[in-house]
């Protein structure tokens, strides 16, 4: 299988557990990998037969910014579920990073892997 990916998608949103975080926007960086079969799209040179990066980025950004979320773990799970439901993919990997959350670290985050079978069980 092939992979369509987006690296370091920047999403500014209200995210956090602490009171001070609930009134400001913070930046999240997302890495997304979607497993798919690119052969038909490549053979026909047809974007309608593949996963459109722009559409994926728009839907992920809209999902994350729709309402405040406390945990980046919740962000990762919501994004994975949406990708598996709305796009022709059987497996997704979602990494959510929150730069600046720990002063001594460049970034912190979570990485999850989900498959369509896990979604329906």
PDB file of N, CA and C in Angstrom:
ATOM      1  N   UNK A   1       0.828  -1.191   0.000  1.00  0.00           N
ATOM      2  CA  UNK A   1       0.000   0.000   0.000  1.00  0.00           C
ATOM      3  C   UNK A   1       0.869   1.249   0.000  1.00  0.00           C
ATOM      4  N   UNK A   2       0.256   2.321  -0.395  1.00  0.00           N
ATOM      5  CA  UNK A   2       0.949   3.594  -0.515  1.00  0.00           C
ATOM      6  C   UNK A   2       0.537   4.505   0.643  1.00  0.00           C
ATOM      7  N   UNK A   3       1.306   5.540   0.829  1.00  0.00           N
ATOM      8  CA  UNK A   3       1.049   6.485   1.922  1.00  0.00           C
ATOM      9  C   UNK A   3       0.917   7.897   1.345  1.00  0.00           C
ATOM     10  N   UNK A   4      -0.152   8.562   1.722  1.00  0.00           N
ATOM     11  CA  UNK A   4      -0.295   9.997   1.482  1.00  0.00           C
ATOM     12  C   UNK A   4      -0.045  10.654   2.830  1.00  0.00           C
ATOM     13  N   UNK A   5       0.823  11.675   2.855  1.00  0.00           N
ATOM     14  CA  UNK A   5       1.142  12.282   4.148  1.00  0.00           C
ATOM     15  C   UNK A   5       1.132  13.796   4.096  1.00  0.00           C
ATOM     16  N   UNK A   6       0.895  14.356   5.256  1.00  0.00           N
ATOM     17  CA  UNK A   6       1.013  15.791   5.486  1.00  0.00           C
ATOM     18  C   UNK A   6       1.899  15.938   6.716  1.00  0.00           C
ATOM     19  N   UNK A   7       2.926  16.744   6.613  1.00  0.00           N
ATOM     20  CA  UNK A   7       3.845  16.954   7.736  1.00  0.00           C
ATOM     21  C   UNK A   7       3.720  18.373   8.270  1.00  0.00           C
ATOM     22  N   UNK A   8       3.674  18.473   9.574  1.00  0.00           N
ATOM     23  CA  UNK A   8       3.702  19.753  10.275  1.00  0.00           C
ATOM     24  C   UNK A   8       2.564  20.694   9.878  1.00  0.00           C
ATOM     25  N   UNK A   9       1.357  20.144   9.775  1.00  0.00           N
ATOM     26  CA  UNK A   9       0.175  20.975   9.558  1.00  0.00           C
ATOM     27  C   UNK A   9      -0.020  21.836  10.804  1.00  0.00           C
ATOM     28  N   UNK A  10      -0.013  23.155  10.633  1.00  0.00           N
ATOM     29  CA  UNK A  10      -0.142  24.070  11.764  1.00  0.00           C
ATOM     30  C   UNK A  10      -1.603  24.422  11.995  1.00  0.00           C
ATOM     31  N   UNK A  11      -2.038  24.218  13.229  1.00  0.00           N
ATOM     32  CA  UNK A  11      -3.404  24.557  13.603  1.00  0.00           C
ATOM     33  C   UNK A  11      -3.345  25.343  14.914  1.00  0.00           C
ATOM     34  N   UNK A  12      -3.825  26.576  14.870  1.00  0.00           N
ATOM     35  CA  UNK A  12      -3.901  27.400  16.074  1.00  0.00           C
ATOM     36  C   UNK A  12      -5.304  27.257  16.643  1.00  0.00           C
ATOM     37  N   UNK A  13      -5.375  26.832  17.911  1.00  0.00           N
ATOM     38  CA  UNK A  13      -6.667  26.544  18.522  1.00  0.00           C
ATOM     39  C   UNK A  13      -6.588  26.689  20.031  1.00  0.00           C
ATOM     40  N   UNK A  14      -7.735  26.624  20.674  1.00  0.00           N
ATOM     41  CA  UNK A  14      -7.770  26.615  22.135  1.00  0.00           C
ATOM     42  C   UNK A  14      -7.604  25.169  22.584  1.00  0.00           C
ATOM     43  N   UNK A  15      -6.503  24.914  23.279  1.00  0.00           N
ATOM     44  CA  UNK A  15      -6.172  23.551  23.700  1.00  0.00           C
ATOM     45  C   UNK A  15      -5.502  23.626  25.064  1.00  0.00           C
ATOM     46  N   UNK A  16      -5.943  22.789  25.973  1.00  0.00           N
ATOM     47  CA  UNK A  16      -5.248  22.739  27.250  1.00  0.00           C
ATOM     48  C   UNK A  16      -6.171  22.451  28.415  1.00  0.00           C
ATOM     49  N   UNK A  17      -5.533  22.050  29.503  1.00  0.00           N
ATOM     50  CA  UNK A  17      -6.233  21.660  30.715  1.00  0.00           C
ATOM     51  C   UNK A  17      -6.314  22.833  31.703  1.00  0.00           C
ATOM     52  N   UNK A  18      -5.301  23.664  31.703  1.00  0.00           N
ATOM     53  CA  UNK A  18      -5.209  24.736  32.695  1.00  0.00           C
ATOM     54  C   UNK A  18      -6.072  25.934  32.307  1.00  0.00           C
ATOM     55  N   UNK A  19      -6.548  26.662  33.326  1.00  0.00           N
ATOM     56  CA  UNK A  19      -7.422  27.801  33.087  1.00  0.00           C
ATOM     57  C   UNK A  19      -6.797  28.824  32.140  1.00  0.00           C
ATOM     58  N   UNK A  20      -5.509  29.102  32.306  1.00  0.00           N
ATOM     59  CA  UNK A  20      -4.875  30.101  31.457  1.00  0.00           C
ATOM     60  C   UNK A  20      -4.844  29.662  29.995  1.00  0.00           C
ATOM     61  N   UNK A  21      -4.854  28.360  29.747  1.00  0.00           N
ATOM     62  CA  UNK A  21      -4.836  27.853  28.375  1.00  0.00           C
ATOM     63  C   UNK A  21      -6.200  27.984  27.694  1.00  0.00           C
ATOM     64  N   UNK A  22      -7.243  28.060  28.481  1.00  0.00           N
ATOM     65  CA  UNK A  22      -8.603  28.063  27.937  1.00  0.00           C
ATOM     66  C   UNK A  22      -9.003  29.421  27.349  1.00  0.00           C
ATOM     67  N   UNK A  23      -8.134  30.423  27.503  1.00  0.00           N
ATOM     68  CA  UNK A  23      -8.468  31.748  26.990  1.00  0.00           C
ATOM     69  C   UNK A  23      -7.499  32.217  25.911  1.00  0.00           C
ATOM     70  N   UNK A  24      -6.583  31.348  25.484  1.00  0.00           N
ATOM     71  CA  UNK A  24      -5.628  31.723  24.439  1.00  0.00           C
ATOM     72  C   UNK A  24      -5.572  30.634  23.365  1.00  0.00           C
ATOM     73  N   UNK A  25      -5.081  31.021  22.208  1.00  0.00           N
ATOM     74  CA  UNK A  25      -4.837  30.025  21.171  1.00  0.00           C
ATOM     75  C   UNK A  25      -3.390  29.567  21.258  1.00  0.00           C
ATOM     76  N   UNK A  26      -3.204  28.276  21.045  1.00  0.00           N
ATOM     77  CA  UNK A  26      -1.863  27.702  21.001  1.00  0.00           C
ATOM     78  C   UNK A  26      -1.724  26.924  19.702  1.00  0.00           C
ATOM     79  N   UNK A  27      -0.500  26.779  19.259  1.00  0.00           N
ATOM     80  CA  UNK A  27      -0.242  26.085  18.006  1.00  0.00           C
ATOM     81  C   UNK A  27      -0.040  24.597  18.234  1.00  0.00           C
ATOM     82  N   UNK A  28      -0.731  23.811  17.422  1.00  0.00           N
ATOM     83  CA  UNK A  28      -0.486  22.379  17.344  1.00  0.00           C
ATOM     84  C   UNK A  28       0.126  22.096  15.981  1.00  0.00           C
ATOM     85  N   UNK A  29       1.004  21.113  15.925  1.00  0.00           N
ATOM     86  CA  UNK A  29       1.576  20.656  14.665  1.00  0.00           C
ATOM     87  C   UNK A  29       1.168  19.203  14.484  1.00  0.00           C
ATOM     88  N   UNK A  30       0.615  18.889  13.313  1.00  0.00           N
ATOM     89  CA  UNK A  30       0.143  17.531  13.056  1.00  0.00           C
ATOM     90  C   UNK A  30       0.889  16.904  11.890  1.00  0.00           C
ATOM     91  N   UNK A  31       1.261  15.648  12.074  1.00  0.00           N
ATOM     92  CA  UNK A  31       1.778  14.818  10.995  1.00  0.00           C
ATOM     93  C   UNK A  31       0.722  13.749  10.750  1.00  0.00           C
ATOM     94  N   UNK A  32       0.299  13.616   9.508  1.00  0.00           N
ATOM     95  CA  UNK A  32      -0.746  12.675   9.140  1.00  0.00           C
ATOM     96  C   UNK A  32      -0.232  11.742   8.051  1.00  0.00           C
ATOM     97  N   UNK A  33      -0.507  10.454   8.198  1.00  0.00           N
ATOM     98  CA  UNK A  33      -0.205   9.460   7.169  1.00  0.00           C
ATOM     99  C   UNK A  33      -1.462   8.651   6.927  1.00  0.00           C
ATOM    100  N   UNK A  34      -1.858   8.546   5.671  1.00  0.00           N
ATOM    101  CA  UNK A  34      -3.049   7.796   5.296  1.00  0.00           C
ATOM    102  C   UNK A  34      -2.651   6.715   4.294  1.00  0.00           C
ATOM    103  N   UNK A  35      -2.965   5.477   4.601  1.00  0.00           N
ATOM    104  CA  UNK A  35      -2.657   4.361   3.716  1.00  0.00           C
ATOM    105  C   UNK A  35      -3.729   4.270   2.640  1.00  0.00           C
ATOM    106  N   UNK A  36      -3.289   4.153   1.391  1.00  0.00           N
ATOM    107  CA  UNK A  36      -4.215   4.098   0.262  1.00  0.00           C
ATOM    108  C   UNK A  36      -3.528   3.417  -0.912  1.00  0.00           C
ATOM    109  N   UNK A  37      -4.222   3.239  -2.002  1.00  0.00           N
ATOM    110  CA  UNK A  37      -3.639   2.694  -3.229  1.00  0.00           C
ATOM    111  C   UNK A  37      -3.644   3.810  -4.268  1.00  0.00           C
ATOM    112  N   UNK A  38      -2.471   4.280  -4.633  1.00  0.00           N
ATOM    113  CA  UNK A  38      -2.328   5.423  -5.528  1.00  0.00           C
ATOM    114  C   UNK A  38      -2.275   5.032  -7.012  1.00  0.00           C
ATOM    115  N   UNK A  39      -2.241   3.758  -7.338  1.00  0.00           N
ATOM    116  CA  UNK A  39      -1.993   3.339  -8.723  1.00  0.00           C
ATOM    117  C   UNK A  39      -3.027   3.866  -9.715  1.00  0.00           C
ATOM    118  N   UNK A  40      -4.303   3.782  -9.380  1.00  0.00           N
ATOM    119  CA  UNK A  40      -5.343   4.233 -10.309  1.00  0.00           C
ATOM    120  C   UNK A  40      -5.247   5.737 -10.536  1.00  0.00           C
ATOM    121  N   UNK A  41      -5.064   6.498  -9.471  1.00  0.00           N
ATOM    122  CA  UNK A  41      -4.940   7.952  -9.597  1.00  0.00           C
ATOM    123  C   UNK A  41      -3.715   8.322 -10.426  1.00  0.00           C
ATOM    124  N   UNK A  42      -2.603   7.640 -10.180  1.00  0.00           N
ATOM    125  CA  UNK A  42      -1.368   7.933 -10.914  1.00  0.00           C
ATOM    126  C   UNK A  42      -1.515   7.582 -12.391  1.00  0.00           C
ATOM    127  N   UNK A  43      -2.137   6.446 -12.672  1.00  0.00           N
ATOM    128  CA  UNK A  43      -2.295   6.019 -14.064  1.00  0.00           C
ATOM    129  C   UNK A  43      -3.164   6.999 -14.851  1.00  0.00           C
ATOM    130  N   UNK A  44      -4.192   7.529 -14.203  1.00  0.00           N
ATOM    131  CA  UNK A  44      -5.096   8.463 -14.879  1.00  0.00           C
ATOM    132  C   UNK A  44      -4.732   9.920 -14.673  1.00  0.00           C
ATOM    133  N   UNK A  45      -3.719  10.184 -13.840  1.00  0.00           N
ATOM    134  CA  UNK A  45      -3.308  11.546 -13.504  1.00  0.00           C
ATOM    135  C   UNK A  45      -4.531  12.363 -13.067  1.00  0.00           C
ATOM    136  N   UNK A  46      -5.329  11.752 -12.149  1.00  0.00           N
ATOM    137  CA  UNK A  46      -6.638  12.292 -11.789  1.00  0.00           C
ATOM    138  C   UNK A  46      -6.743  12.486 -10.271  1.00  0.00           C
ATOM    139  N   UNK A  47      -6.823  13.733  -9.834  1.00  0.00           N
ATOM    140  CA  UNK A  47      -6.879  14.037  -8.403  1.00  0.00           C
ATOM    141  C   UNK A  47      -8.143  13.487  -7.743  1.00  0.00           C
ATOM    142  N   UNK A  48      -9.207  13.320  -8.505  1.00  0.00           N
ATOM    143  CA  UNK A  48     -10.437  12.809  -7.909  1.00  0.00           C
ATOM    144  C   UNK A  48     -10.312  11.341  -7.493  1.00  0.00           C
ATOM    145  N   UNK A  49      -9.248  10.676  -7.926  1.00  0.00           N
ATOM    146  CA  UNK A  49      -9.038   9.264  -7.598  1.00  0.00           C
ATOM    147  C   UNK A  49      -8.018   9.072  -6.475  1.00  0.00           C
ATOM    148  N   UNK A  50      -7.623  10.159  -5.868  1.00  0.00           N
ATOM    149  CA  UNK A  50      -6.639  10.073  -4.788  1.00  0.00           C
ATOM    150  C   UNK A  50      -7.125  10.855  -3.576  1.00  0.00           C
ATOM    151  N   UNK A  51      -6.298  10.918  -2.553  1.00  0.00           N
ATOM    152  CA  UNK A  51      -6.592  11.693  -1.355  1.00  0.00           C
ATOM    153  C   UNK A  51      -6.060  13.106  -1.570  1.00  0.00           C
ATOM    154  N   UNK A  52      -6.934  14.084  -1.537  1.00  0.00           N
ATOM    155  CA  UNK A  52      -6.577  15.472  -1.807  1.00  0.00           C
ATOM    156  C   UNK A  52      -6.019  16.108  -0.529  1.00  0.00           C
ATOM    157  N   UNK A  53      -4.737  16.453  -0.552  1.00  0.00           N
ATOM    158  CA  UNK A  53      -4.072  17.023   0.628  1.00  0.00           C
ATOM    159  C   UNK A  53      -4.783  18.266   1.143  1.00  0.00           C
ATOM    160  N   UNK A  54      -5.211  19.130   0.221  1.00  0.00           N
ATOM    161  CA  UNK A  54      -5.858  20.383   0.625  1.00  0.00           C
ATOM    162  C   UNK A  54      -7.168  20.112   1.363  1.00  0.00           C
ATOM    163  N   UNK A  55      -7.956  19.169   0.871  1.00  0.00           N
ATOM    164  CA  UNK A  55      -9.221  18.834   1.518  1.00  0.00           C
ATOM    165  C   UNK A  55      -8.968  18.222   2.894  1.00  0.00           C
ATOM    166  N   UNK A  56      -7.989  17.337   2.979  1.00  0.00           N
ATOM    167  CA  UNK A  56      -7.638  16.722   4.270  1.00  0.00           C
ATOM    168  C   UNK A  56      -7.245  17.810   5.265  1.00  0.00           C
ATOM    169  N   UNK A  57      -6.359  18.710   4.860  1.00  0.00           N
ATOM    170  CA  UNK A  57      -5.892  19.775   5.752  1.00  0.00           C
ATOM    171  C   UNK A  57      -7.050  20.654   6.216  1.00  0.00           C
ATOM    172  N   UNK A  58      -7.955  21.010   5.300  1.00  0.00           N
ATOM    173  CA  UNK A  58      -9.097  21.853   5.659  1.00  0.00           C
ATOM    174  C   UNK A  58     -10.001  21.155   6.670  1.00  0.00           C
ATOM    175  N   UNK A  59     -10.303  19.876   6.433  1.00  0.00           N
ATOM    176  CA  UNK A  59     -11.221  19.150   7.324  1.00  0.00           C
ATOM    177  C   UNK A  59     -10.594  18.933   8.701  1.00  0.00           C
ATOM    178  N   UNK A  60      -9.305  18.641   8.755  1.00  0.00           N
ATOM    179  CA  UNK A  60      -8.624  18.449  10.033  1.00  0.00           C
ATOM    180  C   UNK A  60      -8.611  19.762  10.816  1.00  0.00           C
ATOM    181  N   UNK A  61      -8.282  20.856  10.151  1.00  0.00           N
ATOM    182  CA  UNK A  61      -8.253  22.162  10.811  1.00  0.00           C
ATOM    183  C   UNK A  61      -9.640  22.528  11.336  1.00  0.00           C
ATOM    184  N   UNK A  62     -10.670  22.329  10.528  1.00  0.00           N
ATOM    185  CA  UNK A  62     -12.039  22.642  10.957  1.00  0.00           C
ATOM    186  C   UNK A  62     -12.443  21.806  12.162  1.00  0.00           C
ATOM    187  N   UNK A  63     -12.094  20.544  12.165  1.00  0.00           N
ATOM    188  CA  UNK A  63     -12.431  19.653  13.276  1.00  0.00           C
ATOM    189  C   UNK A  63     -11.781  20.116  14.583  1.00  0.00           C
ATOM    190  N   UNK A  64     -10.502  20.441  14.509  1.00  0.00           N
ATOM    191  CA  UNK A  64      -9.753  20.804  15.712  1.00  0.00           C
ATOM    192  C   UNK A  64     -10.175  22.168  16.261  1.00  0.00           C
ATOM    193  N   UNK A  65     -10.548  23.077  15.384  1.00  0.00           N
ATOM    194  CA  UNK A  65     -10.890  24.434  15.832  1.00  0.00           C
ATOM    195  C   UNK A  65     -12.378  24.617  16.104  1.00  0.00           C
ATOM    196  N   UNK A  66     -13.186  23.594  15.905  1.00  0.00           N
ATOM    197  CA  UNK A  66     -14.639  23.713  16.089  1.00  0.00           C
ATOM    198  C   UNK A  66     -15.022  24.017  17.529  1.00  0.00           C
ATOM    199  N   UNK A  67     -14.282  23.460  18.476  1.00  0.00           N
ATOM    200  CA  UNK A  67     -14.580  23.697  19.887  1.00  0.00           C
ATOM    201  C   UNK A  67     -13.317  23.464  20.698  1.00  0.00           C
ATOM    202  N   UNK A  68     -13.212  24.096  21.863  1.00  0.00           N
ATOM    203  CA  UNK A  68     -12.026  23.878  22.700  1.00  0.00           C
ATOM    204  C   UNK A  68     -11.899  22.405  23.099  1.00  0.00           C
ATOM    205  N   UNK A  69     -10.678  21.932  23.123  1.00  0.00           N
ATOM    206  CA  UNK A  69     -10.367  20.560  23.529  1.00  0.00           C
ATOM    207  C   UNK A  69      -9.279  20.649  24.596  1.00  0.00           C
ATOM    208  N   UNK A  70      -9.336  19.798  25.582  1.00  0.00           N
ATOM    209  CA  UNK A  70      -8.342  19.855  26.648  1.00  0.00           C
ATOM    210  C   UNK A  70      -7.073  19.061  26.320  1.00  0.00           C
ATOM    211  N   UNK A  71      -7.221  17.868  25.769  1.00  0.00           N
ATOM    212  CA  UNK A  71      -6.076  16.966  25.605  1.00  0.00           C
ATOM    213  C   UNK A  71      -5.678  16.775  24.146  1.00  0.00           C
ATOM    214  N   UNK A  72      -4.373  16.732  23.896  1.00  0.00           N
ATOM    215  CA  UNK A  72      -3.928  16.427  22.536  1.00  0.00           C
ATOM    216  C   UNK A  72      -4.250  14.972  22.184  1.00  0.00           C
ATOM    217  N   UNK A  73      -4.409  14.123  23.194  1.00  0.00           N
ATOM    218  CA  UNK A  73      -4.829  12.744  22.937  1.00  0.00           C
ATOM    219  C   UNK A  73      -6.226  12.721  22.309  1.00  0.00           C
ATOM    220  N   UNK A  74      -7.092  13.604  22.787  1.00  0.00           N
ATOM    221  CA  UNK A  74      -8.435  13.716  22.225  1.00  0.00           C
ATOM    222  C   UNK A  74      -8.371  14.222  20.790  1.00  0.00           C
ATOM    223  N   UNK A  75      -7.512  15.199  20.534  1.00  0.00           N
ATOM    224  CA  UNK A  75      -7.323  15.702  19.172  1.00  0.00           C
ATOM    225  C   UNK A  75      -6.914  14.551  18.246  1.00  0.00           C
ATOM    226  N   UNK A  76      -5.931  13.765  18.665  1.00  0.00           N
ATOM    227  CA  UNK A  76      -5.438  12.665  17.830  1.00  0.00           C
ATOM    228  C   UNK A  76      -6.544  11.663  17.518  1.00  0.00           C
ATOM    229  N   UNK A  77      -7.315  11.278  18.533  1.00  0.00           N
ATOM    230  CA  UNK A  77      -8.387  10.302  18.332  1.00  0.00           C
ATOM    231  C   UNK A  77      -9.475  10.841  17.403  1.00  0.00           C
ATOM    232  N   UNK A  78      -9.873  12.104  17.595  1.00  0.00           N
ATOM    233  CA  UNK A  78     -10.908  12.700  16.743  1.00  0.00           C
ATOM    234  C   UNK A  78     -10.442  12.786  15.295  1.00  0.00           C
ATOM    235  N   UNK A  79      -9.206  13.193  15.094  1.00  0.00           N
ATOM    236  CA  UNK A  79      -8.664  13.310  13.738  1.00  0.00           C
ATOM    237  C   UNK A  79      -8.597  11.939  13.083  1.00  0.00           C
ATOM    238  N   UNK A  80      -8.099  10.935  13.795  1.00  0.00           N
ATOM    239  CA  UNK A  80      -7.999   9.590  13.229  1.00  0.00           C
ATOM    240  C   UNK A  80      -9.373   9.058  12.840  1.00  0.00           C
ATOM    241  N   UNK A  81     -10.346   9.219  13.706  1.00  0.00           N
ATOM    242  CA  UNK A  81     -11.705   8.731  13.428  1.00  0.00           C
ATOM    243  C   UNK A  81     -12.288   9.419  12.201  1.00  0.00           C
ATOM    244  N   UNK A  82     -12.111  10.733  12.092  1.00  0.00           N
ATOM    245  CA  UNK A  82     -12.640  11.473  10.951  1.00  0.00           C
ATOM    246  C   UNK A  82     -11.969  11.034   9.654  1.00  0.00           C
ATOM    247  N   UNK A  83     -10.647  10.870   9.675  1.00  0.00           N
ATOM    248  CA  UNK A  83      -9.934  10.459   8.461  1.00  0.00           C
ATOM    249  C   UNK A  83     -10.402   9.088   7.988  1.00  0.00           C
ATOM    250  N   UNK A  84     -10.572   8.160   8.925  1.00  0.00           N
ATOM    251  CA  UNK A  84     -11.010   6.813   8.563  1.00  0.00           C
ATOM    252  C   UNK A  84     -12.441   6.800   8.040  1.00  0.00           C
ATOM    253  N   UNK A  85     -13.260   7.700   8.526  1.00  0.00           N
ATOM    254  CA  UNK A  85     -14.664   7.757   8.127  1.00  0.00           C
ATOM    255  C   UNK A  85     -14.860   8.467   6.791  1.00  0.00           C
ATOM    256  N   UNK A  86     -14.129   9.561   6.581  1.00  0.00           N
ATOM    257  CA  UNK A  86     -14.411  10.432   5.438  1.00  0.00           C
ATOM    258  C   UNK A  86     -13.500  10.246   4.233  1.00  0.00           C
ATOM    259  N   UNK A  87     -12.422   9.478   4.384  1.00  0.00           N
ATOM    260  CA  UNK A  87     -11.485   9.323   3.276  1.00  0.00           C
ATOM    261  C   UNK A  87     -11.231   7.846   2.984  1.00  0.00           C
ATOM    262  N   UNK A  88     -10.824   7.562   1.764  1.00  0.00           N
ATOM    263  CA  UNK A  88     -10.579   6.189   1.320  1.00  0.00           C
ATOM    264  C   UNK A  88      -9.217   5.712   1.838  1.00  0.00           C
ATOM    265  N   UNK A  89      -9.194   5.410   3.128  1.00  0.00           N
ATOM    266  CA  UNK A  89      -7.978   4.944   3.773  1.00  0.00           C
ATOM    267  C   UNK A  89      -8.332   3.831   4.750  1.00  0.00           C
ATOM    268  N   UNK A  90      -7.433   2.870   4.864  1.00  0.00           N
ATOM    269  CA  UNK A  90      -7.679   1.756   5.790  1.00  0.00           C
ATOM    270  C   UNK A  90      -6.856   1.879   7.065  1.00  0.00           C
ATOM    271  N   UNK A  91      -5.865   2.762   7.042  1.00  0.00           N
ATOM    272  CA  UNK A  91      -4.986   2.933   8.198  1.00  0.00           C
ATOM    273  C   UNK A  91      -4.502   4.371   8.229  1.00  0.00           C
ATOM    274  N   UNK A  92      -4.498   4.954   9.431  1.00  0.00           N
ATOM    275  CA  UNK A  92      -3.974   6.306   9.594  1.00  0.00           C
ATOM    276  C   UNK A  92      -2.985   6.344  10.751  1.00  0.00           C
ATOM    277  N   UNK A  93      -2.032   7.222  10.619  1.00  0.00           N
ATOM    278  CA  UNK A  93      -1.127   7.547  11.715  1.00  0.00           C
ATOM    279  C   UNK A  93      -1.254   9.040  11.941  1.00  0.00           C
ATOM    280  N   UNK A  94      -1.443   9.412  13.188  1.00  0.00           N
ATOM    281  CA  UNK A  94      -1.631  10.815  13.542  1.00  0.00           C
ATOM    282  C   UNK A  94      -0.656  11.157  14.664  1.00  0.00           C
ATOM    283  N   UNK A  95       0.156  12.161  14.427  1.00  0.00           N
ATOM    284  CA  UNK A  95       1.044  12.696  15.454  1.00  0.00           C
ATOM    285  C   UNK A  95       0.606  14.127  15.736  1.00  0.00           C
ATOM    286  N   UNK A  96       0.360  14.418  17.009  1.00  0.00           N
ATOM    287  CA  UNK A  96      -0.005  15.773  17.422  1.00  0.00           C
ATOM    288  C   UNK A  96       1.094  16.269  18.359  1.00  0.00           C
ATOM    289  N   UNK A  97       1.720  17.366  17.971  1.00  0.00           N
ATOM    290  CA  UNK A  97       2.776  17.968  18.785  1.00  0.00           C
ATOM    291  C   UNK A  97       2.295  19.313  19.312  1.00  0.00           C
ATOM    292  N   UNK A  98       2.741  19.619  20.531  1.00  0.00           N
ATOM    293  CA  UNK A  98       2.378  20.896  21.156  1.00  0.00           C
ATOM    294  C   UNK A  98       3.676  21.589  21.582  1.00  0.00           C
ATOM    295  N   UNK A  99       4.277  22.333  20.636  1.00  0.00           N
ATOM    296  CA  UNK A  99       5.529  23.018  20.963  1.00  0.00           C
ATOM    297  C   UNK A  99       5.312  24.034  22.085  1.00  0.00           C
ATOM    298  N   UNK A 100       6.286  24.166  22.933  1.00  0.00           N
ATOM    299  CA  UNK A 100       6.184  25.148  24.004  1.00  0.00           C
ATOM    300  C   UNK A 100       5.459  24.661  25.243  1.00  0.00           C
ATOM    301  N   UNK A 101       4.906  23.465  25.212  1.00  0.00           N
ATOM    302  CA  UNK A 101       4.181  22.959  26.383  1.00  0.00           C
ATOM    303  C   UNK A 101       5.119  22.663  27.545  1.00  0.00           C
ATOM    304  N   UNK A 102       6.325  22.238  27.220  1.00  0.00           N
ATOM    305  CA  UNK A 102       7.359  21.993  28.227  1.00  0.00           C
ATOM    306  C   UNK A 102       8.566  22.844  27.832  1.00  0.00           C
ATOM    307  N   UNK A 103       8.918  23.786  28.679  1.00  0.00           N
ATOM    308  CA  UNK A 103       9.948  24.765  28.344  1.00  0.00           C
ATOM    309  C   UNK A 103      11.281  24.117  27.949  1.00  0.00           C
ATOM    310  N   UNK A 104      11.617  23.001  28.576  1.00  0.00           N
ATOM    311  CA  UNK A 104      12.906  22.369  28.327  1.00  0.00           C
ATOM    312  C   UNK A 104      12.923  21.500  27.068  1.00  0.00           C
ATOM    313  N   UNK A 105      11.770  21.320  26.418  1.00  0.00           N
ATOM    314  CA  UNK A 105      11.686  20.448  25.247  1.00  0.00           C
ATOM    315  C   UNK A 105      11.286  21.244  24.010  1.00  0.00           C
ATOM    316  N   UNK A 106      11.784  20.819  22.864  1.00  0.00           N
ATOM    317  CA  UNK A 106      11.377  21.451  21.608  1.00  0.00           C
ATOM    318  C   UNK A 106       9.880  21.275  21.388  1.00  0.00           C
ATOM    319  N   UNK A 107       9.380  20.077  21.682  1.00  0.00           N
ATOM    320  CA  UNK A 107       7.948  19.812  21.568  1.00  0.00           C
ATOM    321  C   UNK A 107       7.604  18.559  22.366  1.00  0.00           C
ATOM    322  N   UNK A 108       6.330  18.384  22.626  1.00  0.00           N
ATOM    323  CA  UNK A 108       5.812  17.167  23.241  1.00  0.00           C
ATOM    324  C   UNK A 108       4.605  16.747  22.418  1.00  0.00           C
ATOM    325  N   UNK A 109       4.195  15.490  22.549  1.00  0.00           N
ATOM    326  CA  UNK A 109       3.042  15.092  21.769  1.00  0.00           C
ATOM    327  C   UNK A 109       2.668  13.637  21.918  1.00  0.00           C
ATOM    328  N   UNK A 110       1.758  13.231  21.037  1.00  0.00           N
ATOM    329  CA  UNK A 110       1.300  11.847  20.996  1.00  0.00           C
ATOM    330  C   UNK A 110       1.301  11.376  19.547  1.00  0.00           C
ATOM    331  N   UNK A 111       1.467  10.072  19.387  1.00  0.00           N
ATOM    332  CA  UNK A 111       1.426   9.440  18.069  1.00  0.00           C
ATOM    333  C   UNK A 111       0.525   8.225  18.183  1.00  0.00           C
ATOM    334  N   UNK A 112      -0.498   8.151  17.326  1.00  0.00           N
ATOM    335  CA  UNK A 112      -1.386   6.993  17.353  1.00  0.00           C
ATOM    336  C   UNK A 112      -1.491   6.381  15.956  1.00  0.00           C
ATOM    337  N   UNK A 113      -1.800   5.104  15.931  1.00  0.00           N
ATOM    338  CA  UNK A 113      -2.049   4.370  14.698  1.00  0.00           C
ATOM    339  C   UNK A 113      -3.419   3.727  14.838  1.00  0.00           C
ATOM    340  N   UNK A 114      -4.290   3.954  13.856  1.00  0.00           N
ATOM    341  CA  UNK A 114      -5.629   3.384  13.882  1.00  0.00           C
ATOM    342  C   UNK A 114      -5.945   2.795  12.511  1.00  0.00           C
ATOM    343  N   UNK A 115      -6.719   1.708  12.510  1.00  0.00           N
ATOM    344  CA  UNK A 115      -7.151   1.098  11.262  1.00  0.00           C
ATOM    345  C   UNK A 115      -8.671   1.101  11.197  1.00  0.00           C
ATOM    346  N   UNK A 116      -9.184   0.919   9.997  1.00  0.00           N
ATOM    347  CA  UNK A 116     -10.630   0.923   9.802  1.00  0.00           C
ATOM    348  C   UNK A 116     -11.278  -0.183  10.638  1.00  0.00           C
ATOM    349  N   UNK A 117     -10.640  -1.324  10.804  1.00  0.00           N
ATOM    350  CA  UNK A 117     -11.201  -2.412  11.598  1.00  0.00           C
ATOM    351  C   UNK A 117     -11.365  -1.991  13.044  1.00  0.00           C
ATOM    352  N   UNK A 118     -10.410  -1.229  13.587  1.00  0.00           N
ATOM    353  CA  UNK A 118     -10.505  -0.769  14.959  1.00  0.00           C
ATOM    354  C   UNK A 118     -11.672   0.194  15.127  1.00  0.00           C
ATOM    355  N   UNK A 119     -11.943   0.984  14.087  1.00  0.00           N
ATOM    356  CA  UNK A 119     -13.018   1.968  14.145  1.00  0.00           C
ATOM    357  C   UNK A 119     -14.373   1.300  14.280  1.00  0.00           C
ATOM    358  N   UNK A 120     -14.563   0.144  13.655  1.00  0.00           N
ATOM    359  CA  UNK A 120     -15.876  -0.476  13.604  1.00  0.00           C
ATOM    360  C   UNK A 120     -16.096  -1.522  14.684  1.00  0.00           C
ATOM    361  N   UNK A 121     -15.089  -1.734  15.531  1.00  0.00           N
ATOM    362  CA  UNK A 121     -15.249  -2.752  16.574  1.00  0.00           C
ATOM    363  C   UNK A 121     -15.778  -2.153  17.857  1.00  0.00           C
TER     364      UNK A 121
END
